């Protein structure tokens, strides 16, 4: 049976590696959220700062195109950017 002794320096090195890996995971998640092509209704409402009723009106009058998959509404990020820039 082999006995390994762990030093304080070993623990500090391990801590730095763990923190770095956590940072990479968080940065990757944030980047993937921004690069998504389709957004859910709740995300669109947060971006536009509108109520569910206002978002529904945007859908009904054709101002903001959407796709319904199952019971969820999805909106293209491109269409949302056009709406915000006034390009329709």
PDB file of N, CA and C in Angstrom:
ATOM      1  N   UNK A   1       0.846  -1.176   0.000  1.00  0.00           N
ATOM      2  CA  UNK A   1       0.000   0.000   0.000  1.00  0.00           C
ATOM      3  C   UNK A   1       0.892   1.239   0.000  1.00  0.00           C
ATOM      4  N   UNK A   2       0.624   2.112  -0.946  1.00  0.00           N
ATOM      5  CA  UNK A   2       1.439   3.323  -1.078  1.00  0.00           C
ATOM      6  C   UNK A   2       0.771   4.479  -0.350  1.00  0.00           C
ATOM      7  N   UNK A   3       1.542   5.221   0.384  1.00  0.00           N
ATOM      8  CA  UNK A   3       1.031   6.371   1.120  1.00  0.00           C
ATOM      9  C   UNK A   3       1.489   7.636   0.399  1.00  0.00           C
ATOM     10  N   UNK A   4       0.525   8.543   0.117  1.00  0.00           N
ATOM     11  CA  UNK A   4       0.851   9.812  -0.536  1.00  0.00           C
ATOM     12  C   UNK A   4       0.596  10.933   0.455  1.00  0.00           C
ATOM     13  N   UNK A   5       1.546  11.840   0.519  1.00  0.00           N
ATOM     14  CA  UNK A   5       1.412  12.988   1.409  1.00  0.00           C
ATOM     15  C   UNK A   5       1.056  14.207   0.567  1.00  0.00           C
ATOM     16  N   UNK A   6      -0.013  14.852   0.983  1.00  0.00           N
ATOM     17  CA  UNK A   6      -0.469  16.046   0.276  1.00  0.00           C
ATOM     18  C   UNK A   6      -0.011  17.272   1.051  1.00  0.00           C
ATOM     19  N   UNK A   7       0.664  18.150   0.341  1.00  0.00           N
ATOM     20  CA  UNK A   7       1.173  19.361   0.989  1.00  0.00           C
ATOM     21  C   UNK A   7       0.218  20.524   0.763  1.00  0.00           C
ATOM     22  N   UNK A   8       0.462  21.575   1.485  1.00  0.00           N
ATOM     23  CA  UNK A   8      -0.335  22.803   1.330  1.00  0.00           C
ATOM     24  C   UNK A   8      -0.200  23.347  -0.093  1.00  0.00           C
ATOM     25  N   UNK A   9       0.986  23.258  -0.653  1.00  0.00           N
ATOM     26  CA  UNK A   9       1.215  23.724  -2.021  1.00  0.00           C
ATOM     27  C   UNK A   9       0.395  22.910  -3.023  1.00  0.00           C
ATOM     28  N   UNK A  10       0.301  21.598  -2.786  1.00  0.00           N
ATOM     29  CA  UNK A  10      -0.519  20.748  -3.650  1.00  0.00           C
ATOM     30  C   UNK A  10      -1.984  21.189  -3.618  1.00  0.00           C
ATOM     31  N   UNK A  11      -2.475  21.473  -2.427  1.00  0.00           N
ATOM     32  CA  UNK A  11      -3.856  21.910  -2.277  1.00  0.00           C
ATOM     33  C   UNK A  11      -4.101  23.257  -2.955  1.00  0.00           C
ATOM     34  N   UNK A  12      -3.164  24.182  -2.831  1.00  0.00           N
ATOM     35  CA  UNK A  12      -3.304  25.493  -3.475  1.00  0.00           C
ATOM     36  C   UNK A  12      -3.297  25.354  -5.000  1.00  0.00           C
ATOM     37  N   UNK A  13      -2.436  24.480  -5.506  1.00  0.00           N
ATOM     38  CA  UNK A  13      -2.395  24.238  -6.950  1.00  0.00           C
ATOM     39  C   UNK A  13      -3.723  23.640  -7.423  1.00  0.00           C
ATOM     40  N   UNK A  14      -4.241  22.692  -6.667  1.00  0.00           N
ATOM     41  CA  UNK A  14      -5.520  22.062  -6.992  1.00  0.00           C
ATOM     42  C   UNK A  14      -6.646  23.093  -6.974  1.00  0.00           C
ATOM     43  N   UNK A  15      -6.627  23.978  -5.985  1.00  0.00           N
ATOM     44  CA  UNK A  15      -7.650  25.023  -5.877  1.00  0.00           C
ATOM     45  C   UNK A  15      -7.622  25.929  -7.112  1.00  0.00           C
ATOM     46  N   UNK A  16      -6.430  26.325  -7.529  1.00  0.00           N
ATOM     47  CA  UNK A  16      -6.305  27.193  -8.706  1.00  0.00           C
ATOM     48  C   UNK A  16      -6.843  26.500  -9.961  1.00  0.00           C
ATOM     49  N   UNK A  17      -6.554  25.211 -10.097  1.00  0.00           N
ATOM     50  CA  UNK A  17      -7.040  24.469 -11.260  1.00  0.00           C
ATOM     51  C   UNK A  17      -8.565  24.386 -11.253  1.00  0.00           C
ATOM     52  N   UNK A  18      -9.154  24.127 -10.097  1.00  0.00           N
ATOM     53  CA  UNK A  18     -10.616  24.031  -9.983  1.00  0.00           C
ATOM     54  C   UNK A  18     -11.267  25.375 -10.313  1.00  0.00           C
ATOM     55  N   UNK A  19     -10.732  26.451  -9.753  1.00  0.00           N
ATOM     56  CA  UNK A  19     -11.291  27.787 -10.010  1.00  0.00           C
ATOM     57  C   UNK A  19     -11.209  28.119 -11.493  1.00  0.00           C
ATOM     58  N   UNK A  20     -10.082  27.787 -12.126  1.00  0.00           N
ATOM     59  CA  UNK A  20      -9.930  28.060 -13.561  1.00  0.00           C
ATOM     60  C   UNK A  20     -10.951  27.276 -14.384  1.00  0.00           C
ATOM     61  N   UNK A  21     -11.164  26.020 -14.045  1.00  0.00           N
ATOM     62  CA  UNK A  21     -12.142  25.212 -14.773  1.00  0.00           C
ATOM     63  C   UNK A  21     -13.557  25.756 -14.591  1.00  0.00           C
ATOM     64  N   UNK A  22     -13.895  26.205 -13.402  1.00  0.00           N
ATOM     65  CA  UNK A  22     -15.218  26.782 -13.157  1.00  0.00           C
ATOM     66  C   UNK A  22     -15.399  28.048 -13.990  1.00  0.00           C
ATOM     67  N   UNK A  23     -14.381  28.881 -14.050  1.00  0.00           N
ATOM     68  CA  UNK A  23     -14.455  30.101 -14.867  1.00  0.00           C
ATOM     69  C   UNK A  23     -14.701  29.764 -16.329  1.00  0.00           C
ATOM     70  N   UNK A  24     -14.002  28.756 -16.845  1.00  0.00           N
ATOM     71  CA  UNK A  24     -14.161  28.367 -18.243  1.00  0.00           C
ATOM     72  C   UNK A  24     -15.580  27.873 -18.513  1.00  0.00           C
ATOM     73  N   UNK A  25     -16.138  27.117 -17.580  1.00  0.00           N
ATOM     74  CA  UNK A  25     -17.503  26.621 -17.747  1.00  0.00           C
ATOM     75  C   UNK A  25     -18.489  27.776 -17.754  1.00  0.00           C
ATOM     76  N   UNK A  26     -18.339  28.717 -16.826  1.00  0.00           N
ATOM     77  CA  UNK A  26     -19.246  29.862 -16.741  1.00  0.00           C
ATOM     78  C   UNK A  26     -19.141  30.729 -17.984  1.00  0.00           C
ATOM     79  N   UNK A  27     -17.932  31.008 -18.431  1.00  0.00           N
ATOM     80  CA  UNK A  27     -17.746  31.833 -19.629  1.00  0.00           C
ATOM     81  C   UNK A  27     -18.320  31.143 -20.855  1.00  0.00           C
ATOM     82  N   UNK A  28     -18.166  29.840 -20.951  1.00  0.00           N
ATOM     83  CA  UNK A  28     -18.729  29.082 -22.073  1.00  0.00           C
ATOM     84  C   UNK A  28     -20.237  29.127 -22.060  1.00  0.00           C
ATOM     85  N   UNK A  29     -20.851  29.032 -20.895  1.00  0.00           N
ATOM     86  CA  UNK A  29     -22.313  29.086 -20.776  1.00  0.00           C
ATOM     87  C   UNK A  29     -22.821  30.459 -21.177  1.00  0.00           C
ATOM     88  N   UNK A  30     -22.161  31.511 -20.715  1.00  0.00           N
ATOM     89  CA  UNK A  30     -22.599  32.868 -21.048  1.00  0.00           C
ATOM     90  C   UNK A  30     -22.485  33.097 -22.551  1.00  0.00           C
ATOM     91  N   UNK A  31     -21.425  32.619 -23.146  1.00  0.00           N
ATOM     92  CA  UNK A  31     -21.238  32.818 -24.575  1.00  0.00           C
ATOM     93  C   UNK A  31     -22.306  32.059 -25.366  1.00  0.00           C
ATOM     94  N   UNK A  32     -22.613  30.836 -24.951  1.00  0.00           N
ATOM     95  CA  UNK A  32     -23.606  30.062 -25.682  1.00  0.00           C
ATOM     96  C   UNK A  32     -24.992  30.682 -25.563  1.00  0.00           C
ATOM     97  N   UNK A  33     -25.309  31.315 -24.432  1.00  0.00           N
ATOM     98  CA  UNK A  33     -26.600  31.973 -24.271  1.00  0.00           C
ATOM     99  C   UNK A  33     -26.744  33.144 -25.225  1.00  0.00           C
ATOM    100  N   UNK A  34     -25.670  33.878 -25.427  1.00  0.00           N
ATOM    101  CA  UNK A  34     -25.717  35.056 -26.299  1.00  0.00           C
ATOM    102  C   UNK A  34     -25.784  34.649 -27.763  1.00  0.00           C
ATOM    103  N   UNK A  35     -25.184  33.530 -28.121  1.00  0.00           N
ATOM    104  CA  UNK A  35     -25.095  33.120 -29.513  1.00  0.00           C
ATOM    105  C   UNK A  35     -26.274  32.290 -29.997  1.00  0.00           C
ATOM    106  N   UNK A  36     -27.246  32.048 -29.155  1.00  0.00           N
ATOM    107  CA  UNK A  36     -28.383  31.238 -29.569  1.00  0.00           C
ATOM    108  C   UNK A  36     -29.219  31.975 -30.607  1.00  0.00           C
ATOM    109  N   UNK A  37     -29.764  31.230 -31.552  1.00  0.00           N
ATOM    110  CA  UNK A  37     -30.571  31.842 -32.612  1.00  0.00           C
ATOM    111  C   UNK A  37     -32.018  32.053 -32.169  1.00  0.00           C
ATOM    112  N   UNK A  38     -32.547  31.178 -31.326  1.00  0.00           N
ATOM    113  CA  UNK A  38     -33.944  31.237 -30.913  1.00  0.00           C
ATOM    114  C   UNK A  38     -34.040  31.512 -29.421  1.00  0.00           C
ATOM    115  N   UNK A  39     -34.990  32.371 -29.029  1.00  0.00           N
ATOM    116  CA  UNK A  39     -35.197  32.732 -27.625  1.00  0.00           C
ATOM    117  C   UNK A  39     -36.619  32.379 -27.205  1.00  0.00           C
ATOM    118  N   UNK A  40     -36.789  32.033 -25.933  1.00  0.00           N
ATOM    119  CA  UNK A  40     -38.121  31.750 -25.386  1.00  0.00           C
ATOM    120  C   UNK A  40     -38.827  33.058 -25.056  1.00  0.00           C
ATOM    121  N   UNK A  41     -40.139  32.972 -24.854  1.00  0.00           N
ATOM    122  CA  UNK A  41     -40.950  34.154 -24.558  1.00  0.00           C
ATOM    123  C   UNK A  41     -40.442  34.901 -23.329  1.00  0.00           C
ATOM    124  N   UNK A  42     -40.090  34.175 -22.277  1.00  0.00           N
ATOM    125  CA  UNK A  42     -39.632  34.835 -21.046  1.00  0.00           C
ATOM    126  C   UNK A  42     -38.357  35.639 -21.287  1.00  0.00           C
ATOM    127  N   UNK A  43     -37.463  35.113 -22.121  1.00  0.00           N
ATOM    128  CA  UNK A  43     -36.226  35.830 -22.431  1.00  0.00           C
ATOM    129  C   UNK A  43     -36.510  37.083 -23.250  1.00  0.00           C
ATOM    130  N   UNK A  44     -37.431  36.970 -24.205  1.00  0.00           N
ATOM    131  CA  UNK A  44     -37.798  38.119 -25.041  1.00  0.00           C
ATOM    132  C   UNK A  44     -38.449  39.204 -24.180  1.00  0.00           C
ATOM    133  N   UNK A  45     -39.334  38.790 -23.257  1.00  0.00           N
ATOM    134  CA  UNK A  45     -39.990  39.768 -22.373  1.00  0.00           C
ATOM    135  C   UNK A  45     -38.963  40.508 -21.522  1.00  0.00           C
ATOM    136  N   UNK A  46     -37.942  39.812 -21.050  1.00  0.00           N
ATOM    137  CA  UNK A  46     -36.902  40.476 -20.253  1.00  0.00           C
ATOM    138  C   UNK A  46     -36.115  41.468 -21.099  1.00  0.00           C
ATOM    139  N   UNK A  47     -35.788  41.076 -22.325  1.00  0.00           N
ATOM    140  CA  UNK A  47     -35.011  41.957 -23.207  1.00  0.00           C
ATOM    141  C   UNK A  47     -35.809  43.206 -23.566  1.00  0.00           C
ATOM    142  N   UNK A  48     -37.078  43.012 -23.942  1.00  0.00           N
ATOM    143  CA  UNK A  48     -37.916  44.140 -24.356  1.00  0.00           C
ATOM    144  C   UNK A  48     -38.550  44.874 -23.172  1.00  0.00           C
ATOM    145  N   UNK A  49     -38.517  44.246 -21.998  1.00  0.00           N
ATOM    146  CA  UNK A  49     -39.138  44.807 -20.794  1.00  0.00           C
ATOM    147  C   UNK A  49     -40.620  45.071 -21.030  1.00  0.00           C
ATOM    148  N   UNK A  50     -41.309  43.995 -21.492  1.00  0.00           N
ATOM    149  CA  UNK A  50     -42.746  44.085 -21.752  1.00  0.00           C
ATOM    150  C   UNK A  50     -43.465  42.984 -20.980  1.00  0.00           C
ATOM    151  N   UNK A  51     -44.775  43.160 -20.840  1.00  0.00           N
ATOM    152  CA  UNK A  51     -45.610  42.168 -20.160  1.00  0.00           C
ATOM    153  C   UNK A  51     -45.948  41.036 -21.123  1.00  0.00           C
ATOM    154  N   UNK A  52     -46.443  39.916 -20.587  1.00  0.00           N
ATOM    155  CA  UNK A  52     -46.878  38.828 -21.467  1.00  0.00           C
ATOM    156  C   UNK A  52     -47.961  39.278 -22.457  1.00  0.00           C
ATOM    157  N   UNK A  53     -48.876  40.155 -22.010  1.00  0.00           N
ATOM    158  CA  UNK A  53     -49.926  40.657 -22.897  1.00  0.00           C
ATOM    159  C   UNK A  53     -49.377  41.477 -24.051  1.00  0.00           C
ATOM    160  N   UNK A  54     -48.389  42.304 -23.772  1.00  0.00           N
ATOM    161  CA  UNK A  54     -47.779  43.114 -24.834  1.00  0.00           C
ATOM    162  C   UNK A  54     -47.058  42.220 -25.836  1.00  0.00           C
ATOM    163  N   UNK A  55     -46.378  41.206 -25.342  1.00  0.00           N
ATOM    164  CA  UNK A  55     -45.700  40.278 -26.248  1.00  0.00           C
ATOM    165  C   UNK A  55     -46.733  39.545 -27.106  1.00  0.00           C
ATOM    166  N   UNK A  56     -47.853  39.194 -26.521  1.00  0.00           N
ATOM    167  CA  UNK A  56     -48.923  38.547 -27.280  1.00  0.00           C
ATOM    168  C   UNK A  56     -49.444  39.478 -28.369  1.00  0.00           C
ATOM    169  N   UNK A  57     -49.606  40.756 -28.061  1.00  0.00           N
ATOM    170  CA  UNK A  57     -50.056  41.734 -29.073  1.00  0.00           C
ATOM    171  C   UNK A  57     -49.045  41.851 -30.204  1.00  0.00           C
ATOM    172  N   UNK A  58     -47.763  41.807 -29.885  1.00  0.00           N
ATOM    173  CA  UNK A  58     -46.731  41.861 -30.927  1.00  0.00           C
ATOM    174  C   UNK A  58     -46.828  40.646 -31.844  1.00  0.00           C
ATOM    175  N   UNK A  59     -47.177  39.504 -31.264  1.00  0.00           N
ATOM    176  CA  UNK A  59     -47.370  38.290 -32.074  1.00  0.00           C
ATOM    177  C   UNK A  59     -48.614  38.412 -32.946  1.00  0.00           C
ATOM    178  N   UNK A  60     -49.720  38.830 -32.345  1.00  0.00           N
ATOM    179  CA  UNK A  60     -51.008  38.874 -33.045  1.00  0.00           C
ATOM    180  C   UNK A  60     -50.974  39.833 -34.235  1.00  0.00           C
ATOM    181  N   UNK A  61     -50.400  41.024 -34.043  1.00  0.00           N
ATOM    182  CA  UNK A  61     -50.398  41.996 -35.139  1.00  0.00           C
ATOM    183  C   UNK A  61     -49.238  41.792 -36.118  1.00  0.00           C
ATOM    184  N   UNK A  62     -48.439  40.741 -35.907  1.00  0.00           N
ATOM    185  CA  UNK A  62     -47.378  40.401 -36.860  1.00  0.00           C
ATOM    186  C   UNK A  62     -46.116  41.221 -36.731  1.00  0.00           C
ATOM    187  N   UNK A  63     -46.018  42.018 -35.691  1.00  0.00           N
ATOM    188  CA  UNK A  63     -44.825  42.843 -35.498  1.00  0.00           C
ATOM    189  C   UNK A  63     -43.598  41.987 -35.198  1.00  0.00           C
ATOM    190  N   UNK A  64     -43.809  40.915 -34.449  1.00  0.00           N
ATOM    191  CA  UNK A  64     -42.695  40.041 -34.062  1.00  0.00           C
ATOM    192  C   UNK A  64     -43.026  38.606 -34.471  1.00  0.00           C
ATOM    193  N   UNK A  65     -42.367  38.096 -35.526  1.00  0.00           N
ATOM    194  CA  UNK A  65     -42.616  36.716 -35.963  1.00  0.00           C
ATOM    195  C   UNK A  65     -42.189  35.720 -34.880  1.00  0.00           C
ATOM    196  N   UNK A  66     -42.827  34.567 -34.866  1.00  0.00           N
ATOM    197  CA  UNK A  66     -42.525  33.547 -33.872  1.00  0.00           C
ATOM    198  C   UNK A  66     -42.808  32.163 -34.440  1.00  0.00           C
ATOM    199  N   UNK A  67     -42.351  31.153 -33.725  1.00  0.00           N
ATOM    200  CA  UNK A  67     -42.666  29.769 -34.042  1.00  0.00           C
ATOM    201  C   UNK A  67     -43.198  29.118 -32.769  1.00  0.00           C
ATOM    202  N   UNK A  68     -44.223  28.328 -32.916  1.00  0.00           N
ATOM    203  CA  UNK A  68     -44.772  27.615 -31.767  1.00  0.00           C
ATOM    204  C   UNK A  68     -44.361  26.153 -31.869  1.00  0.00           C
ATOM    205  N   UNK A  69     -43.676  25.684 -30.850  1.00  0.00           N
ATOM    206  CA  UNK A  69     -43.259  24.287 -30.796  1.00  0.00           C
ATOM    207  C   UNK A  69     -43.825  23.715 -29.509  1.00  0.00           C
ATOM    208  N   UNK A  70     -44.728  22.771 -29.661  1.00  0.00           N
ATOM    209  CA  UNK A  70     -45.438  22.262 -28.495  1.00  0.00           C
ATOM    210  C   UNK A  70     -46.285  23.390 -27.936  1.00  0.00           C
ATOM    211  N   UNK A  71     -46.086  23.717 -26.673  1.00  0.00           N
ATOM    212  CA  UNK A  71     -46.821  24.820 -26.070  1.00  0.00           C
ATOM    213  C   UNK A  71     -45.974  26.061 -25.887  1.00  0.00           C
ATOM    214  N   UNK A  72     -44.752  26.052 -26.410  1.00  0.00           N
ATOM    215  CA  UNK A  72     -43.834  27.174 -26.196  1.00  0.00           C
ATOM    216  C   UNK A  72     -43.664  28.006 -27.463  1.00  0.00           C
ATOM    217  N   UNK A  73     -43.528  29.312 -27.266  1.00  0.00           N
ATOM    218  CA  UNK A  73     -43.281  30.236 -28.366  1.00  0.00           C
ATOM    219  C   UNK A  73     -41.783  30.541 -28.414  1.00  0.00           C
ATOM    220  N   UNK A  74     -41.230  30.547 -29.625  1.00  0.00           N
ATOM    221  CA  UNK A  74     -39.818  30.863 -29.817  1.00  0.00           C
ATOM    222  C   UNK A  74     -39.693  31.999 -30.824  1.00  0.00           C
ATOM    223  N   UNK A  75     -38.719  32.856 -30.593  1.00  0.00           N
ATOM    224  CA  UNK A  75     -38.502  34.039 -31.420  1.00  0.00           C
ATOM    225  C   UNK A  75     -37.055  34.060 -31.883  1.00  0.00           C
ATOM    226  N   UNK A  76     -36.850  34.416 -33.156  1.00  0.00           N
ATOM    227  CA  UNK A  76     -35.484  34.506 -33.675  1.00  0.00           C
ATOM    228  C   UNK A  76     -34.814  35.765 -33.135  1.00  0.00           C
ATOM    229  N   UNK A  77     -33.585  35.622 -32.728  1.00  0.00           N
ATOM    230  CA  UNK A  77     -32.811  36.755 -32.230  1.00  0.00           C
ATOM    231  C   UNK A  77     -32.693  37.831 -33.311  1.00  0.00           C
ATOM    232  N   UNK A  78     -32.547  37.394 -34.557  1.00  0.00           N
ATOM    233  CA  UNK A  78     -32.451  38.327 -35.690  1.00  0.00           C
ATOM    234  C   UNK A  78     -33.704  39.202 -35.789  1.00  0.00           C
ATOM    235  N   UNK A  79     -34.894  38.593 -35.654  1.00  0.00           N
ATOM    236  CA  UNK A  79     -36.155  39.345 -35.722  1.00  0.00           C
ATOM    237  C   UNK A  79     -36.275  40.324 -34.560  1.00  0.00           C
ATOM    238  N   UNK A  80     -35.803  39.906 -33.406  1.00  0.00           N
ATOM    239  CA  UNK A  80     -35.841  40.774 -32.228  1.00  0.00           C
ATOM    240  C   UNK A  80     -34.934  41.990 -32.425  1.00  0.00           C
ATOM    241  N   UNK A  81     -33.762  41.771 -32.996  1.00  0.00           N
ATOM    242  CA  UNK A  81     -32.838  42.887 -33.269  1.00  0.00           C
ATOM    243  C   UNK A  81     -33.447  43.862 -34.276  1.00  0.00           C
ATOM    244  N   UNK A  82     -34.116  43.321 -35.303  1.00  0.00           N
ATOM    245  CA  UNK A  82     -34.767  44.176 -36.300  1.00  0.00           C
ATOM    246  C   UNK A  82     -35.853  45.025 -35.652  1.00  0.00           C
ATOM    247  N   UNK A  83     -36.643  44.410 -34.782  1.00  0.00           N
ATOM    248  CA  UNK A  83     -37.702  45.139 -34.088  1.00  0.00           C
ATOM    249  C   UNK A  83     -37.105  46.272 -33.249  1.00  0.00           C
ATOM    250  N   UNK A  84     -36.030  45.980 -32.561  1.00  0.00           N
ATOM    251  CA  UNK A  84     -35.416  46.984 -31.679  1.00  0.00           C
ATOM    252  C   UNK A  84     -34.774  48.117 -32.474  1.00  0.00           C
ATOM    253  N   UNK A  85     -34.326  47.813 -33.713  1.00  0.00           N
ATOM    254  CA  UNK A  85     -33.729  48.840 -34.568  1.00  0.00           C
ATOM    255  C   UNK A  85     -34.773  49.593 -35.386  1.00  0.00           C
ATOM    256  N   UNK A  86     -36.019  49.160 -35.299  1.00  0.00           N
ATOM    257  CA  UNK A  86     -37.091  49.825 -36.046  1.00  0.00           C
ATOM    258  C   UNK A  86     -37.183  49.376 -37.483  1.00  0.00           C
ATOM    259  N   UNK A  87     -36.554  48.233 -37.830  1.00  0.00           N
ATOM    260  CA  UNK A  87     -36.571  47.740 -39.216  1.00  0.00           C
ATOM    261  C   UNK A  87     -37.762  46.859 -39.519  1.00  0.00           C
ATOM    262  N   UNK A  88     -38.588  46.548 -38.549  1.00  0.00           N
ATOM    263  CA  UNK A  88     -39.733  45.607 -38.631  1.00  0.00           C
ATOM    264  C   UNK A  88     -39.273  44.251 -38.939  1.00  0.00           C
TER     265      UNK A  88
END
